[in-house]
Protein backbone atom coordinates (compact mmCIF):
# COMPACT_ATOMS: atom_id res chain seq x y z
CA MET A 1 -56.35 -39.61 -21.97
CA ASP A 2 -55.68 -40.53 -25.54
CA LEU A 3 -57.97 -39.08 -28.12
CA SER A 4 -60.88 -41.35 -29.06
CA VAL A 5 -64.64 -40.96 -29.79
CA LEU A 6 -65.06 -41.17 -26.01
CA THR A 7 -62.51 -38.57 -25.12
CA ALA A 8 -62.96 -36.04 -27.89
CA ILE A 9 -64.00 -32.58 -26.71
CA SER A 10 -66.16 -31.88 -29.72
CA PRO A 11 -69.10 -34.20 -30.43
CA ILE A 12 -68.23 -33.88 -34.16
CA ASP A 13 -65.09 -35.97 -33.45
CA GLY A 14 -66.70 -37.96 -30.68
CA ARG A 15 -70.36 -38.93 -30.50
CA TYR A 16 -71.08 -38.25 -34.19
CA ARG A 17 -67.73 -39.30 -35.57
CA ASN A 18 -69.09 -42.37 -37.42
CA GLN A 19 -71.56 -40.15 -39.36
CA LEU A 20 -69.11 -37.35 -40.20
CA HIS A 21 -65.61 -38.91 -40.56
CA HIS A 22 -65.70 -38.52 -44.38
CA LEU A 23 -65.46 -34.76 -43.87
CA ASP A 24 -61.89 -35.33 -42.77
CA TYR A 25 -61.11 -35.15 -46.50
CA TYR A 26 -61.86 -31.42 -46.61
CA PHE A 27 -61.54 -29.99 -43.11
CA SER A 28 -58.80 -31.76 -41.15
CA GLU A 29 -55.22 -30.61 -40.65
CA TYR A 30 -54.28 -33.37 -43.05
CA ALA A 31 -56.66 -32.04 -45.62
CA LEU A 32 -55.38 -28.40 -45.37
CA ILE A 33 -51.76 -29.68 -45.80
CA ARG A 34 -52.76 -31.71 -48.88
CA PHE A 35 -54.44 -28.71 -50.56
CA ARG A 36 -51.38 -26.59 -49.74
CA LEU A 37 -49.17 -29.11 -51.40
CA MET A 38 -51.40 -29.12 -54.43
CA VAL A 39 -51.13 -25.32 -54.78
CA GLU A 40 -47.34 -25.26 -54.28
CA ILE A 41 -46.71 -28.05 -56.77
CA GLU A 42 -49.02 -26.71 -59.43
CA TYR A 43 -47.45 -23.33 -59.08
CA PHE A 44 -43.99 -24.95 -59.39
CA ILE A 45 -45.06 -26.76 -62.55
CA ALA A 46 -46.71 -23.58 -63.97
CA LEU A 47 -43.43 -21.68 -63.48
CA SER A 48 -41.51 -24.33 -65.36
CA GLN A 49 -43.96 -24.22 -68.16
CA LYS A 50 -43.40 -20.56 -68.50
CA LYS A 51 -39.69 -21.31 -68.90
CA PHE A 52 -38.49 -19.87 -65.66
CA PHE A 53 -36.47 -23.03 -65.17
CA PRO A 54 -36.05 -26.32 -67.04
CA LEU A 55 -38.31 -29.24 -66.04
CA ARG A 56 -39.14 -32.24 -68.17
CA ALA A 57 -42.80 -32.84 -68.72
CA THR A 58 -42.36 -36.41 -67.70
CA LEU A 59 -41.71 -35.25 -64.18
CA HIS A 60 -45.11 -33.65 -63.85
CA LYS A 61 -46.74 -36.90 -62.94
CA PRO A 62 -44.36 -37.83 -60.14
CA LEU A 63 -44.54 -34.27 -58.90
CA ARG A 64 -48.37 -34.39 -58.72
CA GLU A 65 -48.19 -37.72 -56.97
CA ILE A 66 -46.66 -35.83 -53.98
CA TYR A 67 -50.13 -34.48 -53.20
CA LEU A 68 -52.23 -37.09 -54.96
CA ASN A 69 -50.73 -39.93 -52.89
CA PHE A 70 -50.43 -37.88 -49.73
CA THR A 71 -51.21 -39.78 -46.52
CA PRO A 72 -51.87 -38.89 -42.85
CA GLU A 73 -48.45 -40.39 -42.08
CA LYS A 74 -46.68 -37.97 -44.48
CA ALA A 75 -48.70 -35.11 -42.93
CA ALA A 76 -47.30 -36.15 -39.58
CA GLU A 77 -43.84 -35.80 -41.03
CA ILE A 78 -44.66 -32.27 -42.09
CA LYS A 79 -46.01 -31.50 -38.54
CA THR A 80 -42.66 -32.74 -37.15
CA MET A 81 -40.88 -30.22 -39.39
CA GLU A 82 -43.30 -27.55 -38.14
CA LYS A 83 -42.03 -28.06 -34.57
CA VAL A 84 -38.75 -26.72 -35.76
CA THR A 85 -39.96 -23.98 -38.21
CA ASN A 86 -42.83 -22.90 -36.03
CA HIS A 87 -44.49 -22.03 -39.31
CA ASP A 88 -46.97 -24.41 -41.02
CA VAL A 89 -46.57 -23.25 -44.63
CA LYS A 90 -42.72 -23.15 -44.46
CA ALA A 91 -42.90 -26.75 -43.27
CA VAL A 92 -44.84 -27.60 -46.35
CA GLU A 93 -42.19 -25.89 -48.53
CA TYR A 94 -39.33 -27.78 -46.86
CA TYR A 95 -41.16 -31.06 -47.27
CA ILE A 96 -41.59 -30.46 -51.01
CA LYS A 97 -37.92 -29.55 -51.31
CA LYS A 98 -37.05 -32.90 -49.66
CA GLU A 99 -39.26 -34.68 -52.17
CA LEU A 100 -37.52 -32.86 -55.02
CA ASP A 101 -34.20 -34.10 -53.67
CA VAL A 102 -35.56 -37.68 -54.06
CA LEU A 103 -36.63 -36.84 -57.60
CA LYS A 104 -33.07 -35.49 -58.30
CA LEU A 105 -34.44 -31.98 -58.79
CA SER A 106 -32.24 -30.29 -56.11
CA ALA A 107 -30.96 -27.82 -58.66
CA VAL A 108 -34.39 -26.21 -59.17
CA LYS A 109 -35.90 -26.58 -55.62
CA GLU A 110 -35.60 -22.88 -54.78
CA TRP A 111 -38.39 -22.30 -57.27
CA VAL A 112 -40.73 -23.82 -54.74
CA HIS A 113 -42.74 -21.04 -53.13
CA PHE A 114 -40.93 -18.53 -55.40
CA GLY A 115 -42.02 -14.94 -54.60
CA LEU A 116 -44.95 -16.09 -52.47
CA THR A 117 -46.12 -15.44 -48.96
CA SER A 118 -47.92 -18.06 -46.85
CA GLN A 119 -51.28 -16.46 -47.52
CA ASP A 120 -50.88 -17.00 -51.27
CA ILE A 121 -50.98 -20.70 -50.37
CA ASN A 122 -53.61 -20.65 -47.64
CA ASN A 123 -55.91 -18.31 -49.56
CA THR A 124 -55.94 -20.66 -52.47
CA ALA A 125 -55.90 -23.96 -50.52
CA ILE A 126 -58.81 -23.03 -48.28
CA PRO A 127 -61.04 -21.84 -51.09
CA LEU A 128 -60.14 -25.09 -52.89
CA LEU A 129 -61.18 -27.31 -49.98
CA TRP A 130 -64.27 -25.16 -49.42
CA LYS A 131 -65.23 -25.43 -53.13
CA GLU A 132 -64.84 -29.21 -53.08
CA SER A 133 -66.71 -29.62 -49.84
CA LEU A 134 -69.73 -27.61 -51.19
CA GLU A 135 -69.75 -29.38 -54.57
CA HIS A 136 -69.30 -32.91 -53.18
CA GLU A 137 -71.08 -32.69 -49.82
CA PHE A 138 -73.26 -29.71 -49.13
CA PHE A 139 -75.09 -29.27 -52.44
CA PRO A 140 -75.69 -33.06 -52.88
CA ALA A 141 -76.97 -33.30 -49.26
CA VAL A 142 -79.33 -30.34 -49.83
CA ALA A 143 -80.47 -31.99 -53.08
CA ASN A 144 -81.32 -35.16 -51.12
CA ILE A 145 -83.44 -33.20 -48.70
CA VAL A 146 -85.33 -31.61 -51.61
CA ILE A 147 -85.88 -34.96 -53.23
CA GLU A 148 -87.39 -36.39 -50.05
CA LEU A 149 -89.63 -33.28 -49.66
CA ARG A 150 -90.82 -33.57 -53.25
CA LYS A 151 -91.68 -37.29 -52.71
CA MET A 152 -93.75 -36.42 -49.61
CA ALA A 153 -95.37 -33.44 -51.40
CA GLN A 154 -96.38 -35.71 -54.28
CA THR A 155 -97.67 -38.45 -51.95
CA TRP A 156 -99.76 -36.06 -49.95
CA LYS A 157 -100.63 -33.49 -52.59
CA ASP A 158 -104.43 -34.21 -52.32
CA ILE A 159 -104.64 -34.28 -48.52
CA PRO A 160 -106.77 -31.32 -47.32
CA MET A 161 -105.58 -29.81 -44.08
CA LEU A 162 -106.56 -27.03 -41.74
CA ALA A 163 -104.14 -24.16 -42.00
CA ARG A 164 -103.29 -22.04 -39.05
CA THR A 165 -102.26 -18.37 -39.12
CA HIS A 166 -101.32 -16.77 -35.80
CA GLY A 167 -101.86 -20.30 -34.40
CA GLN A 168 -105.56 -20.03 -35.15
CA PRO A 169 -107.69 -22.04 -37.69
CA ALA A 170 -107.51 -20.46 -41.17
CA SER A 171 -108.49 -21.18 -44.71
CA PRO A 172 -107.72 -24.92 -45.53
CA THR A 173 -104.73 -25.90 -47.62
CA LYS A 174 -103.19 -29.08 -48.96
CA LEU A 175 -100.39 -30.86 -47.09
CA GLY A 176 -98.44 -31.43 -50.29
CA LYS A 177 -98.51 -27.72 -51.16
CA GLU A 178 -97.30 -26.76 -47.64
CA ILE A 179 -94.25 -29.00 -48.15
CA MET A 180 -93.60 -27.47 -51.53
CA VAL A 181 -93.23 -24.07 -49.86
CA TYR A 182 -90.02 -25.38 -48.42
CA VAL A 183 -88.82 -26.94 -51.69
CA GLU A 184 -89.18 -23.61 -53.37
CA ARG A 185 -87.54 -21.64 -50.62
CA ILE A 186 -84.50 -24.02 -50.41
CA GLU A 187 -84.01 -24.18 -54.25
CA GLN A 188 -84.02 -20.39 -54.51
CA GLN A 189 -81.34 -19.98 -51.87
CA VAL A 190 -79.21 -22.81 -53.37
CA ALA A 191 -79.48 -21.10 -56.80
CA LEU A 192 -78.25 -17.82 -55.21
CA MET A 193 -75.31 -19.62 -53.66
CA HIS A 194 -74.31 -21.06 -57.10
CA THR A 195 -73.83 -17.43 -58.32
CA ILE A 196 -71.19 -16.69 -55.67
CA PRO A 197 -67.59 -17.02 -57.05
CA TYR A 198 -64.95 -19.16 -55.35
CA SER A 199 -62.40 -16.45 -54.99
CA CYS A 200 -58.80 -16.44 -53.88
CA LYS A 201 -55.80 -14.21 -53.15
CA PHE A 202 -52.54 -14.75 -55.01
CA GLY A 203 -50.12 -11.76 -55.21
CA GLY A 204 -47.21 -11.78 -52.81
CA ALA A 205 -46.63 -10.33 -49.35
CA THR A 206 -48.99 -7.34 -49.75
CA GLY A 207 -50.79 -8.16 -52.91
CA ASN A 208 -48.51 -6.24 -55.35
CA PHE A 209 -46.20 -8.99 -56.64
CA ASN A 210 -43.28 -7.00 -55.20
CA ALA A 211 -40.80 -9.95 -55.04
CA HIS A 212 -41.94 -11.22 -58.48
CA VAL A 213 -41.51 -7.89 -60.15
CA VAL A 214 -38.11 -7.13 -58.60
CA ALA A 215 -36.78 -10.52 -59.89
CA TYR A 216 -38.47 -10.33 -63.29
CA PRO A 217 -39.75 -6.77 -64.05
CA THR A 218 -40.88 -7.48 -67.62
CA VAL A 219 -43.12 -10.47 -66.85
CA GLN A 220 -46.86 -9.90 -66.79
CA TRP A 221 -47.38 -11.33 -63.37
CA VAL A 222 -51.00 -10.35 -62.95
CA ARG A 223 -51.93 -12.17 -66.19
CA PHE A 224 -49.84 -15.19 -65.06
CA ALA A 225 -51.52 -15.25 -61.64
CA ASN A 226 -55.04 -14.87 -63.12
CA GLU A 227 -54.46 -17.74 -65.54
CA PHE A 228 -52.90 -19.92 -62.79
CA CYS A 229 -55.76 -19.47 -60.38
CA SER A 230 -58.44 -19.82 -62.93
CA ASN A 231 -57.06 -22.59 -65.22
CA ARG A 232 -55.14 -24.65 -62.68
CA LEU A 233 -57.26 -24.27 -59.56
CA GLY A 234 -60.71 -23.19 -60.79
CA LEU A 235 -60.71 -20.11 -58.59
CA GLN A 236 -61.43 -16.47 -59.40
CA ARG A 237 -58.37 -14.33 -58.36
CA GLN A 238 -59.12 -11.01 -56.60
CA GLN A 239 -57.21 -8.27 -58.37
CA TYR A 240 -56.57 -5.77 -55.45
CA THR A 241 -55.71 -7.38 -52.19
CA THR A 242 -53.67 -6.94 -49.01
CA GLN A 243 -51.77 -9.89 -47.72
CA ILE A 244 -54.96 -11.80 -47.41
CA GLU A 245 -58.11 -12.29 -49.52
CA HIS A 246 -61.14 -10.16 -48.80
CA TYR A 247 -63.30 -13.08 -47.65
CA ASP A 248 -66.44 -11.20 -48.80
CA ASN A 249 -67.47 -14.02 -51.16
CA PHE A 250 -66.61 -16.53 -48.45
CA ALA A 251 -68.85 -14.69 -46.12
CA ALA A 252 -71.62 -14.71 -48.75
CA HIS A 253 -71.35 -18.54 -48.81
CA PHE A 254 -71.64 -18.62 -45.03
CA ASP A 255 -74.72 -16.39 -45.18
CA GLY A 256 -76.22 -18.56 -47.93
CA MET A 257 -75.74 -21.67 -45.93
CA LYS A 258 -77.19 -19.90 -42.92
CA ARG A 259 -80.33 -19.01 -44.89
CA VAL A 260 -80.74 -22.58 -46.03
CA ASN A 261 -80.38 -23.76 -42.45
CA ASN A 262 -82.89 -21.20 -41.26
CA ILE A 263 -85.47 -22.55 -43.76
CA LEU A 264 -84.78 -26.06 -42.46
CA ILE A 265 -85.16 -24.94 -38.86
CA ASP A 266 -88.54 -23.52 -39.89
CA LEU A 267 -89.44 -26.91 -41.48
CA CYS A 268 -88.23 -28.90 -38.49
CA ARG A 269 -90.42 -26.77 -36.16
CA ASP A 270 -93.45 -27.10 -38.43
CA ILE A 271 -93.13 -30.93 -38.62
CA TRP A 272 -92.49 -31.07 -34.84
CA THR A 273 -95.73 -29.14 -34.40
CA TYR A 274 -97.64 -31.40 -36.71
CA ILE A 275 -96.41 -34.37 -34.76
CA SER A 276 -97.55 -32.71 -31.52
CA MET A 277 -101.00 -32.10 -33.12
CA ASP A 278 -101.10 -35.83 -34.07
CA TYR A 279 -101.17 -35.06 -37.77
CA PHE A 280 -98.13 -37.28 -38.03
CA LYS A 281 -97.33 -40.37 -36.00
CA GLN A 282 -93.93 -41.98 -36.03
CA LYS A 283 -92.64 -45.45 -36.80
CA THR A 284 -91.31 -47.24 -33.84
CA LYS A 285 -88.23 -49.37 -33.72
CA LYS A 286 -88.07 -52.48 -31.61
CA GLY A 287 -85.93 -51.96 -28.50
CA GLU A 288 -85.85 -48.19 -28.85
CA ILE A 289 -86.90 -46.07 -25.79
CA GLY A 290 -88.58 -42.71 -25.99
CA SER A 291 -88.46 -41.84 -22.28
CA SER A 292 -86.66 -43.34 -19.30
CA ALA A 293 -89.87 -42.79 -17.24
CA MET A 294 -92.77 -42.76 -19.67
CA PRO A 295 -93.03 -45.97 -21.69
CA HIS A 296 -95.51 -44.61 -24.21
CA LYS A 297 -93.36 -41.84 -25.57
CA VAL A 298 -92.33 -41.65 -29.20
CA ASN A 299 -90.44 -38.37 -29.30
CA PRO A 300 -89.68 -36.29 -32.51
CA ILE A 301 -86.03 -36.41 -31.62
CA ASP A 302 -84.67 -36.37 -35.20
CA PHE A 303 -86.20 -33.00 -35.92
CA GLU A 304 -85.16 -31.65 -32.46
CA ASN A 305 -81.58 -32.88 -33.13
CA ALA A 306 -81.66 -31.27 -36.58
CA GLU A 307 -82.97 -27.99 -35.23
CA GLY A 308 -80.26 -27.95 -32.51
CA ASN A 309 -77.39 -28.62 -34.88
CA LEU A 310 -78.68 -26.19 -37.54
CA GLY A 311 -78.88 -23.49 -34.93
CA PHE A 312 -75.40 -24.22 -33.57
CA ALA A 313 -73.98 -24.19 -37.12
CA ASN A 314 -75.70 -20.85 -37.85
CA ALA A 315 -74.14 -19.21 -34.78
CA ILE A 316 -70.61 -20.13 -36.05
CA PHE A 317 -71.48 -19.18 -39.58
CA GLU A 318 -72.63 -15.81 -38.23
CA HIS A 319 -69.29 -15.20 -36.64
CA LEU A 320 -67.30 -16.35 -39.64
CA ALA A 321 -69.27 -14.05 -42.04
CA ALA A 322 -68.98 -11.13 -39.67
CA LYS A 323 -65.29 -11.53 -38.66
CA LEU A 324 -63.43 -12.75 -41.71
CA PRO A 325 -63.97 -9.67 -43.98
CA ILE A 326 -62.46 -7.52 -41.31
CA SER A 327 -58.67 -7.22 -40.90
CA ARG A 328 -56.32 -4.46 -39.55
CA LEU A 329 -54.50 -2.62 -42.36
CA GLN A 330 -52.75 -5.08 -44.69
CA ARG A 331 -53.29 -8.09 -42.41
CA ASP A 332 -53.58 -9.37 -38.89
CA LEU A 333 -53.67 -13.03 -37.82
CA THR A 334 -57.22 -13.38 -36.56
CA ASP A 335 -58.43 -14.82 -39.78
CA SER A 336 -55.94 -17.73 -39.56
CA THR A 337 -57.28 -19.25 -36.35
CA VAL A 338 -60.90 -18.55 -37.28
CA LEU A 339 -60.57 -20.23 -40.71
CA ARG A 340 -59.47 -23.43 -39.04
CA ASN A 341 -62.97 -23.85 -37.78
CA VAL A 342 -64.94 -23.62 -41.09
CA GLY A 343 -65.43 -27.35 -40.92
CA VAL A 344 -67.29 -27.19 -37.60
CA PRO A 345 -70.52 -25.49 -38.70
CA PHE A 346 -70.31 -27.50 -41.99
CA ALA A 347 -70.18 -30.69 -40.08
CA HIS A 348 -73.11 -29.70 -37.79
CA THR A 349 -75.07 -28.81 -40.92
CA ILE A 350 -74.54 -32.17 -42.54
CA LEU A 351 -75.34 -33.86 -39.31
CA ALA A 352 -78.62 -32.03 -39.18
CA PHE A 353 -79.45 -33.14 -42.70
CA LYS A 354 -78.89 -36.74 -41.73
CA SER A 355 -81.21 -36.33 -38.71
CA MET A 356 -83.88 -34.83 -40.97
CA GLU A 357 -83.70 -37.59 -43.45
CA LYS A 358 -84.01 -40.13 -40.62
CA GLY A 359 -87.00 -38.26 -39.33
CA PHE A 360 -88.70 -38.14 -42.70
CA GLY A 361 -88.50 -41.89 -42.96
CA LYS A 362 -90.40 -42.30 -39.67
CA LEU A 363 -93.37 -40.09 -40.52
CA LEU A 364 -96.79 -41.75 -40.77
CA LEU A 365 -99.76 -39.67 -41.91
CA ASN A 366 -102.72 -39.66 -39.51
CA GLU A 367 -105.60 -38.70 -41.93
CA ARG A 368 -108.24 -39.34 -39.23
CA LYS A 369 -106.88 -36.49 -36.99
CA ILE A 370 -106.47 -34.14 -40.02
CA ARG A 371 -110.09 -34.75 -41.05
CA GLU A 372 -111.28 -34.45 -37.54
CA ASP A 373 -109.76 -31.01 -37.22
CA LEU A 374 -111.37 -29.91 -40.45
CA ASP A 375 -114.71 -31.24 -39.29
CA ASN A 376 -114.48 -29.27 -36.01
CA ASN A 377 -113.64 -25.98 -37.75
CA TRP A 378 -116.49 -25.16 -40.22
CA ALA A 379 -115.95 -21.48 -39.33
CA VAL A 380 -113.11 -21.46 -41.94
CA VAL A 381 -115.64 -21.52 -44.75
CA ALA A 382 -116.88 -18.10 -43.71
CA GLU A 383 -114.28 -16.47 -46.01
CA ALA A 384 -115.63 -18.51 -48.94
CA LEU A 385 -119.16 -17.69 -48.21
CA GLN A 386 -118.70 -13.94 -47.87
CA THR A 387 -116.62 -13.86 -50.94
CA VAL A 388 -119.30 -15.52 -53.16
CA LEU A 389 -121.90 -13.27 -51.55
CA ARG A 390 -119.68 -10.21 -52.41
CA ARG A 391 -119.70 -11.52 -56.04
CA GLU A 392 -123.48 -11.45 -55.99
CA ASN A 393 -123.56 -7.95 -54.50
CA TYR A 394 -125.24 -9.21 -51.30
CA PRO A 395 -125.24 -6.42 -48.75
CA GLN A 396 -122.61 -6.54 -46.02
CA PRO A 397 -121.73 -10.24 -46.38
CA TYR A 398 -118.47 -9.93 -44.35
CA GLU A 399 -120.28 -8.39 -41.43
CA ALA A 400 -122.91 -11.11 -41.59
CA LEU A 401 -120.36 -13.91 -41.44
CA LYS A 402 -118.35 -12.10 -38.78
CA GLU A 403 -121.52 -11.96 -36.55
CA LEU A 404 -122.00 -15.66 -37.11
CA THR A 405 -118.53 -16.99 -36.61
CA ARG A 406 -116.09 -14.63 -34.79
CA GLY A 407 -115.39 -15.89 -31.27
CA ASN A 408 -118.00 -18.63 -31.68
CA ASP A 409 -116.61 -22.12 -30.95
CA GLN A 410 -119.97 -23.69 -31.78
CA VAL A 411 -119.84 -23.18 -35.58
CA THR A 412 -120.78 -26.50 -37.21
CA GLU A 413 -121.93 -27.76 -40.57
CA LYS A 414 -125.50 -27.55 -39.32
CA SER A 415 -125.17 -23.92 -38.16
CA ILE A 416 -123.54 -22.89 -41.45
CA ARG A 417 -126.36 -24.49 -43.49
CA GLN A 418 -128.98 -22.83 -41.24
CA PHE A 419 -127.24 -19.49 -41.90
CA ILE A 420 -127.36 -20.12 -45.64
CA ASP A 421 -131.04 -21.10 -45.55
CA SER A 422 -131.81 -17.83 -43.70
CA LEU A 423 -130.37 -15.77 -46.53
CA LYS A 424 -132.72 -14.12 -49.05
CA ILE A 425 -130.96 -15.47 -52.11
CA PRO A 426 -131.92 -17.77 -54.99
CA ALA A 427 -131.97 -21.52 -54.35
CA THR A 428 -129.21 -22.06 -56.95
CA LEU A 429 -126.87 -19.76 -54.92
CA LYS A 430 -127.76 -21.56 -51.66
CA ARG A 431 -126.84 -24.83 -53.33
CA GLU A 432 -123.56 -23.36 -54.43
CA LEU A 433 -122.79 -22.09 -50.95
CA LYS A 434 -123.71 -25.41 -49.34
CA SER A 435 -121.34 -27.23 -51.61
CA ILE A 436 -118.44 -25.47 -49.96
CA THR A 437 -116.81 -27.56 -47.10
CA PRO A 438 -113.62 -27.45 -45.09
CA TRP A 439 -112.35 -30.36 -47.25
CA ASN A 440 -112.86 -28.80 -50.65
CA TYR A 441 -112.20 -25.15 -49.85
CA THR A 442 -108.49 -25.48 -50.60
CA GLY A 443 -107.88 -23.10 -53.50
CA VAL A 444 -105.70 -23.80 -56.50
CA ASN A 445 -104.97 -27.51 -57.22
CA PHE A 446 -101.16 -27.38 -57.39
């Protein structure tokens, strides 16, 4: 069968293609070739500017157009060359040399890929596409999630809600504050990710500039490479490498994304639970079906889909972070095939974000149920009562409240008031204790 959304093996390129096709720009074979072209051509121009060979400045623009105007059709041409070379980066080199012939630069085309190994190209191209994907896709998508959470937190900041610790009723909280817990967690992890450098390897076959030095022993190649990677590519060059980069910072990015995803899994499960408790209802859409057998169902599928995709993404991020920093001696090839999959967990992550945003838009607060739960759990004010009594140096207040409430499912407003009336304390203190309710015992007003 020909490849289509119906015959694709991966749902990323099949079922979810219409939501994720824009990620082609960073993670497809076409994208990798385009970034390789960019590195090769910028290196070629940088060599010319250091006077290794003559090149008119007016030719910089048409040279850069080779990668700026690169199309999938031209990528297919390179793939055809690769069938002969059986080497993907060499095919890119030959393509550029062919383009130089068109520009009447045949006399200087051997400066393409001068002194380099394929990993000097891959280990700059892949960090470049990764950098752009984070800056243009991941970080903005996370920011959108945070914006939606902040909106919900503000809307529901004054909604008192029964908290549950160990799954049991606990001191009340505010719904808005509970949402802000996730805002803070996400923002802290994103801030940590922003401190991780986008690093690259650029130093010849085994990281020592062997070929460069034997050809030009007096040139400061380390300084040249540092400036090239930093100023031309916006990457931080690793100073001591084998044939490949260390991937330690890459692994740190994967771990950072995994932590963000874990936080969002936690959020999805909490919202799912609130929906199951009827704290939230969901907007219905005409014609939509929740169950093929039970007509009444409105399932929290958006949060379930998000949780599933975040978990799947994390499983791959886990392997990437664990595998990539490990390589036998100066290099083995396992990193190459693994790196081709970095777009897979990224795509599942973005898909999960989209599902969550869709789910947020369906949520309808059910204040009646939230208030009902508070009304049925007067025992949660026991903490407040015993704390105030401690302040007043009342003897054994904790034990007195424990005797009244622990394991007693008949604690009501009436029984709490009767308990307060039975205490040998001043009337003003009784009034203070009676003013405490499950709805106002919510702590700091964030």
